[in-house]
């Protein structure tokens, strides 16, 4: 039977056992809960490369007034995989007055791919005949705004560009 008077030592041991079993149960419940919370919160983190500066190349590759098309890559991470070097988009980079400028290759009208016409010295959308000057300004066509400029950063002879996607078909530059 119980030792001592009124069984109090047994009640104390039972309390410690209850606390221990409760703590063990909470620990076991936390094992699947932590990854589940991470999974639910994952979309709130940064998207693969979007909004971040992505490497574009050496500064020397962009010398001169002829625009250079650059594909921008980043690692894509989802809940199960990490895929290295996924192409996120492209941009045109050119030097004007000693500084680099970058423009999205996506036409602000309907999202077609904008090419550079070296003979005409203009950016042109082949789908709807929008044309843009070397400064990105609209020179012809239905585009509601100039080419979308992208932020350029130079550091230690390397160029990086912040890739941002913008809504098409509107006069204001609205990030998507």
C-alpha atoms as a PDB file:
ATOM      1  CA  UNK A   1       0.000   0.000   0.000  1.00  0.00           C
ATOM      2  CA  UNK A   2       1.061   3.586   0.323  1.00  0.00           C
ATOM      3  CA  UNK A   3       3.918   4.670   2.473  1.00  0.00           C
ATOM      4  CA  UNK A   4       3.452   7.457   4.931  1.00  0.00           C
ATOM      5  CA  UNK A   5       0.197   9.022   6.009  1.00  0.00           C
ATOM      6  CA  UNK A   6      -2.739   9.630   3.678  1.00  0.00           C
ATOM      7  CA  UNK A   7      -0.983   8.486   0.479  1.00  0.00           C
ATOM      8  CA  UNK A   8       0.573  11.899  -0.222  1.00  0.00           C
ATOM      9  CA  UNK A   9       3.910  10.614  -1.612  1.00  0.00           C
ATOM     10  CA  UNK A  10       2.006   8.512  -4.200  1.00  0.00           C
ATOM     11  CA  UNK A  11       0.015  11.582  -5.252  1.00  0.00           C
ATOM     12  CA  UNK A  12       3.268  13.507  -5.755  1.00  0.00           C
ATOM     13  CA  UNK A  13       4.723  10.768  -7.924  1.00  0.00           C
ATOM     14  CA  UNK A  14       1.532  10.585  -9.953  1.00  0.00           C
ATOM     15  CA  UNK A  15       1.703  14.350 -10.542  1.00  0.00           C
ATOM     16  CA  UNK A  16       5.286  14.113 -11.794  1.00  0.00           C
ATOM     17  CA  UNK A  17       4.342  11.215 -14.080  1.00  0.00           C
ATOM     18  CA  UNK A  18       1.362  13.174 -15.443  1.00  0.00           C
ATOM     19  CA  UNK A  19       3.591  16.172 -16.171  1.00  0.00           C
ATOM     20  CA  UNK A  20       6.208  13.965 -17.828  1.00  0.00           C
ATOM     21  CA  UNK A  21       3.661  12.180 -20.012  1.00  0.00           C
ATOM     22  CA  UNK A  22       2.061  15.526 -20.933  1.00  0.00           C
ATOM     23  CA  UNK A  23       5.440  17.006 -21.912  1.00  0.00           C
ATOM     24  CA  UNK A  24       6.244  13.895 -23.966  1.00  0.00           C
ATOM     25  CA  UNK A  25       2.854  14.157 -25.723  1.00  0.00           C
ATOM     26  CA  UNK A  26       3.445  17.843 -26.535  1.00  0.00           C
ATOM     27  CA  UNK A  27       6.890  17.032 -27.906  1.00  0.00           C
ATOM     28  CA  UNK A  28       5.495  14.288 -30.133  1.00  0.00           C
ATOM     29  CA  UNK A  29       2.718  16.577 -31.350  1.00  0.00           C
ATOM     30  CA  UNK A  30       5.276  19.280 -32.248  1.00  0.00           C
ATOM     31  CA  UNK A  31       7.229  16.926 -34.544  1.00  0.00           C
ATOM     32  CA  UNK A  32       4.680  17.051 -37.412  1.00  0.00           C
ATOM     33  CA  UNK A  33       3.394  20.532 -36.477  1.00  0.00           C
ATOM     34  CA  UNK A  34       6.669  22.392 -37.123  1.00  0.00           C
ATOM     35  CA  UNK A  35       7.026  21.342 -40.796  1.00  0.00           C
ATOM     36  CA  UNK A  36       3.283  21.880 -41.318  1.00  0.00           C
ATOM     37  CA  UNK A  37       3.565  25.466 -40.080  1.00  0.00           C
ATOM     38  CA  UNK A  38       6.596  25.985 -42.334  1.00  0.00           C
ATOM     39  CA  UNK A  39       4.620  24.632 -45.287  1.00  0.00           C
ATOM     40  CA  UNK A  40       1.706  26.977 -44.590  1.00  0.00           C
ATOM     41  CA  UNK A  41       3.960  30.020 -44.202  1.00  0.00           C
ATOM     42  CA  UNK A  42       6.201  29.241 -47.220  1.00  0.00           C
ATOM     43  CA  UNK A  43       4.324  31.423 -49.736  1.00  0.00           C
ATOM     44  CA  UNK A  44       4.834  34.452 -47.484  1.00  0.00           C
ATOM     45  CA  UNK A  45       8.590  34.263 -48.071  1.00  0.00           C
ATOM     46  CA  UNK A  46      10.323  35.695 -51.109  1.00  0.00           C
ATOM     47  CA  UNK A  47       9.575  34.247 -54.525  1.00  0.00           C
ATOM     48  CA  UNK A  48      12.442  32.702 -56.433  1.00  0.00           C
ATOM     49  CA  UNK A  49      14.525  35.643 -57.490  1.00  0.00           C
ATOM     50  CA  UNK A  50      11.687  38.088 -57.974  1.00  0.00           C
ATOM     51  CA  UNK A  51      12.525  41.422 -56.410  1.00  0.00           C
ATOM     52  CA  UNK A  52      16.101  40.340 -55.752  1.00  0.00           C
ATOM     53  CA  UNK A  53      19.162  41.449 -57.678  1.00  0.00           C
ATOM     54  CA  UNK A  54      20.118  38.732 -60.158  1.00  0.00           C
ATOM     55  CA  UNK A  55      23.555  38.471 -61.761  1.00  0.00           C
ATOM     56  CA  UNK A  56      23.637  39.777 -65.340  1.00  0.00           C
ATOM     57  CA  UNK A  57      27.330  39.586 -66.236  1.00  0.00           C
ATOM     58  CA  UNK A  58      30.549  41.572 -66.264  1.00  0.00           C
ATOM     59  CA  UNK A  59      30.371  45.333 -66.702  1.00  0.00           C
ATOM     60  CA  UNK A  60      32.643  45.134 -69.750  1.00  0.00           C
ATOM     61  CA  UNK A  61      29.971  43.120 -71.624  1.00  0.00           C
ATOM     62  CA  UNK A  62      27.708  46.181 -71.728  1.00  0.00           C
ATOM     63  CA  UNK A  63      30.121  48.805 -73.058  1.00  0.00           C
ATOM     64  CA  UNK A  64      28.777  50.705 -76.041  1.00  0.00           C
ATOM     65  CA  UNK A  65      25.390  51.950 -77.152  1.00  0.00           C
ATOM     66  CA  UNK A  66      24.124  48.646 -78.587  1.00  0.00           C
ATOM     67  CA  UNK A  67      21.633  46.951 -76.240  1.00  0.00           C
ATOM     68  CA  UNK A  68      22.532  43.479 -74.999  1.00  0.00           C
ATOM     69  CA  UNK A  69      19.825  40.928 -74.209  1.00  0.00           C
ATOM     70  CA  UNK A  70      20.445  39.230 -70.871  1.00  0.00           C
ATOM     71  CA  UNK A  71      18.649  36.190 -69.491  1.00  0.00           C
ATOM     72  CA  UNK A  72      18.238  36.299 -65.702  1.00  0.00           C
ATOM     73  CA  UNK A  73      18.502  33.092 -63.679  1.00  0.00           C
ATOM     74  CA  UNK A  74      17.958  32.124 -60.034  1.00  0.00           C
ATOM     75  CA  UNK A  75      17.510  28.971 -58.001  1.00  0.00           C
ATOM     76  CA  UNK A  76      13.866  27.914 -57.695  1.00  0.00           C
ATOM     77  CA  UNK A  77      12.878  26.436 -54.350  1.00  0.00           C
ATOM     78  CA  UNK A  78       9.493  24.913 -53.557  1.00  0.00           C
ATOM     79  CA  UNK A  79       8.276  22.694 -50.759  1.00  0.00           C
ATOM     80  CA  UNK A  80       9.985  19.607 -52.187  1.00  0.00           C
ATOM     81  CA  UNK A  81      12.732  20.628 -54.601  1.00  0.00           C
ATOM     82  CA  UNK A  82      15.535  23.061 -55.240  1.00  0.00           C
ATOM     83  CA  UNK A  83      16.155  23.578 -58.941  1.00  0.00           C
ATOM     84  CA  UNK A  84      19.310  25.533 -59.764  1.00  0.00           C
ATOM     85  CA  UNK A  85      19.555  28.139 -62.523  1.00  0.00           C
ATOM     86  CA  UNK A  86      15.934  28.546 -63.617  1.00  0.00           C
ATOM     87  CA  UNK A  87      15.371  31.274 -66.213  1.00  0.00           C
ATOM     88  CA  UNK A  88      13.057  33.872 -64.674  1.00  0.00           C
ATOM     89  CA  UNK A  89      13.056  36.413 -67.468  1.00  0.00           C
ATOM     90  CA  UNK A  90      15.113  38.608 -69.753  1.00  0.00           C
ATOM     91  CA  UNK A  91      16.036  42.244 -70.086  1.00  0.00           C
ATOM     92  CA  UNK A  92      17.812  44.629 -72.420  1.00  0.00           C
ATOM     93  CA  UNK A  93      20.900  46.335 -70.967  1.00  0.00           C
ATOM     94  CA  UNK A  94      22.620  49.293 -72.585  1.00  0.00           C
ATOM     95  CA  UNK A  95      25.015  52.032 -71.649  1.00  0.00           C
ATOM     96  CA  UNK A  96      23.783  55.621 -71.959  1.00  0.00           C
ATOM     97  CA  UNK A  97      25.865  58.585 -70.827  1.00  0.00           C
ATOM     98  CA  UNK A  98      28.267  56.290 -68.973  1.00  0.00           C
ATOM     99  CA  UNK A  99      25.547  54.615 -66.890  1.00  0.00           C
ATOM    100  CA  UNK A 100      23.792  51.308 -67.455  1.00  0.00           C
ATOM    101  CA  UNK A 101      20.063  51.095 -68.072  1.00  0.00           C
ATOM    102  CA  UNK A 102      17.961  47.961 -68.144  1.00  0.00           C
ATOM    103  CA  UNK A 103      14.544  47.462 -69.704  1.00  0.00           C
ATOM    104  CA  UNK A 104      12.208  44.502 -69.472  1.00  0.00           C
ATOM    105  CA  UNK A 105      11.799  42.500 -72.678  1.00  0.00           C
ATOM    106  CA  UNK A 106       8.057  42.290 -71.956  1.00  0.00           C
ATOM    107  CA  UNK A 107       5.936  44.749 -73.942  1.00  0.00           C
ATOM    108  CA  UNK A 108       3.770  46.902 -71.630  1.00  0.00           C
ATOM    109  CA  UNK A 109       0.866  46.569 -74.081  1.00  0.00           C
ATOM    110  CA  UNK A 110       0.021  42.840 -73.963  1.00  0.00           C
ATOM    111  CA  UNK A 111       3.197  41.114 -72.798  1.00  0.00           C
ATOM    112  CA  UNK A 112       4.773  40.127 -76.122  1.00  0.00           C
ATOM    113  CA  UNK A 113       8.562  39.802 -76.368  1.00  0.00           C
ATOM    114  CA  UNK A 114      10.268  43.054 -77.371  1.00  0.00           C
ATOM    115  CA  UNK A 115      13.238  42.746 -79.758  1.00  0.00           C
ATOM    116  CA  UNK A 116      15.911  45.248 -80.756  1.00  0.00           C
ATOM    117  CA  UNK A 117      16.018  46.342 -84.386  1.00  0.00           C
ATOM    118  CA  UNK A 118      19.673  47.314 -84.939  1.00  0.00           C
ATOM    119  CA  UNK A 119      18.955  48.910 -88.330  1.00  0.00           C
ATOM    120  CA  UNK A 120      16.234  51.207 -86.980  1.00  0.00           C
ATOM    121  CA  UNK A 121      17.957  51.614 -83.585  1.00  0.00           C
ATOM    122  CA  UNK A 122      14.644  50.916 -81.807  1.00  0.00           C
ATOM    123  CA  UNK A 123      13.049  48.306 -79.608  1.00  0.00           C
ATOM    124  CA  UNK A 124      10.088  46.780 -81.417  1.00  0.00           C
ATOM    125  CA  UNK A 125       7.174  44.563 -80.484  1.00  0.00           C
ATOM    126  CA  UNK A 126       6.504  42.301 -83.476  1.00  0.00           C
ATOM    127  CA  UNK A 127       2.919  41.521 -82.470  1.00  0.00           C
ATOM    128  CA  UNK A 128       1.195  44.895 -82.294  1.00  0.00           C
ATOM    129  CA  UNK A 129       3.788  47.210 -83.853  1.00  0.00           C
ATOM    130  CA  UNK A 130       4.753  49.183 -80.759  1.00  0.00           C
ATOM    131  CA  UNK A 131       8.170  50.817 -81.096  1.00  0.00           C
ATOM    132  CA  UNK A 132      10.359  52.235 -78.347  1.00  0.00           C
ATOM    133  CA  UNK A 133      13.401  54.517 -78.414  1.00  0.00           C
ATOM    134  CA  UNK A 134      16.742  53.639 -76.813  1.00  0.00           C
ATOM    135  CA  UNK A 135      15.526  55.504 -73.710  1.00  0.00           C
ATOM    136  CA  UNK A 136      12.457  53.216 -73.561  1.00  0.00           C
ATOM    137  CA  UNK A 137       9.982  55.910 -74.648  1.00  0.00           C
ATOM    138  CA  UNK A 138       7.009  54.981 -76.834  1.00  0.00           C
ATOM    139  CA  UNK A 139       7.560  56.062 -80.445  1.00  0.00           C
ATOM    140  CA  UNK A 140       4.742  54.148 -82.163  1.00  0.00           C
ATOM    141  CA  UNK A 141       1.945  51.681 -81.541  1.00  0.00           C
ATOM    142  CA  UNK A 142      -0.632  50.944 -78.888  1.00  0.00           C
ATOM    143  CA  UNK A 143       1.677  50.574 -75.864  1.00  0.00           C
ATOM    144  CA  UNK A 144       0.153  52.555 -72.964  1.00  0.00           C
ATOM    145  CA  UNK A 145       3.545  53.386 -71.401  1.00  0.00           C
ATOM    146  CA  UNK A 146       7.305  53.251 -72.039  1.00  0.00           C
ATOM    147  CA  UNK A 147       9.315  50.055 -71.646  1.00  0.00           C
ATOM    148  CA  UNK A 148       9.539  49.056 -67.995  1.00  0.00           C
ATOM    149  CA  UNK A 149      12.919  50.074 -66.627  1.00  0.00           C
ATOM    150  CA  UNK A 150      14.622  47.768 -64.133  1.00  0.00           C
ATOM    151  CA  UNK A 151      17.003  48.695 -61.335  1.00  0.00           C
ATOM    152  CA  UNK A 152      20.699  48.084 -62.078  1.00  0.00           C
ATOM    153  CA  UNK A 153      23.463  47.597 -59.508  1.00  0.00           C
ATOM    154  CA  UNK A 154      27.192  47.540 -60.271  1.00  0.00           C
ATOM    155  CA  UNK A 155      29.680  46.102 -57.792  1.00  0.00           C
ATOM    156  CA  UNK A 156      33.275  44.935 -58.275  1.00  0.00           C
ATOM    157  CA  UNK A 157      32.969  44.933 -62.070  1.00  0.00           C
ATOM    158  CA  UNK A 158      29.788  42.826 -62.018  1.00  0.00           C
ATOM    159  CA  UNK A 159      26.272  43.881 -62.945  1.00  0.00           C
ATOM    160  CA  UNK A 160      23.095  42.729 -61.218  1.00  0.00           C
ATOM    161  CA  UNK A 161      19.511  43.568 -62.145  1.00  0.00           C
ATOM    162  CA  UNK A 162      16.371  43.559 -59.997  1.00  0.00           C
ATOM    163  CA  UNK A 163      13.727  41.637 -61.930  1.00  0.00           C
ATOM    164  CA  UNK A 164      10.198  42.923 -61.342  1.00  0.00           C
ATOM    165  CA  UNK A 165       7.106  42.032 -63.346  1.00  0.00           C
ATOM    166  CA  UNK A 166       4.580  44.757 -64.140  1.00  0.00           C
ATOM    167  CA  UNK A 167       0.900  44.706 -65.083  1.00  0.00           C
ATOM    168  CA  UNK A 168       0.308  44.960 -68.824  1.00  0.00           C
ATOM    169  CA  UNK A 169      -2.182  47.143 -70.654  1.00  0.00           C
ATOM    170  CA  UNK A 170      -2.274  49.960 -68.074  1.00  0.00           C
ATOM    171  CA  UNK A 171      -0.706  53.426 -68.204  1.00  0.00           C
ATOM    172  CA  UNK A 172       0.826  53.189 -64.716  1.00  0.00           C
ATOM    173  CA  UNK A 173       3.766  50.957 -63.865  1.00  0.00           C
ATOM    174  CA  UNK A 174       2.145  48.577 -61.339  1.00  0.00           C
ATOM    175  CA  UNK A 175       4.150  45.619 -59.960  1.00  0.00           C
ATOM    176  CA  UNK A 176       2.307  42.310 -60.151  1.00  0.00           C
END
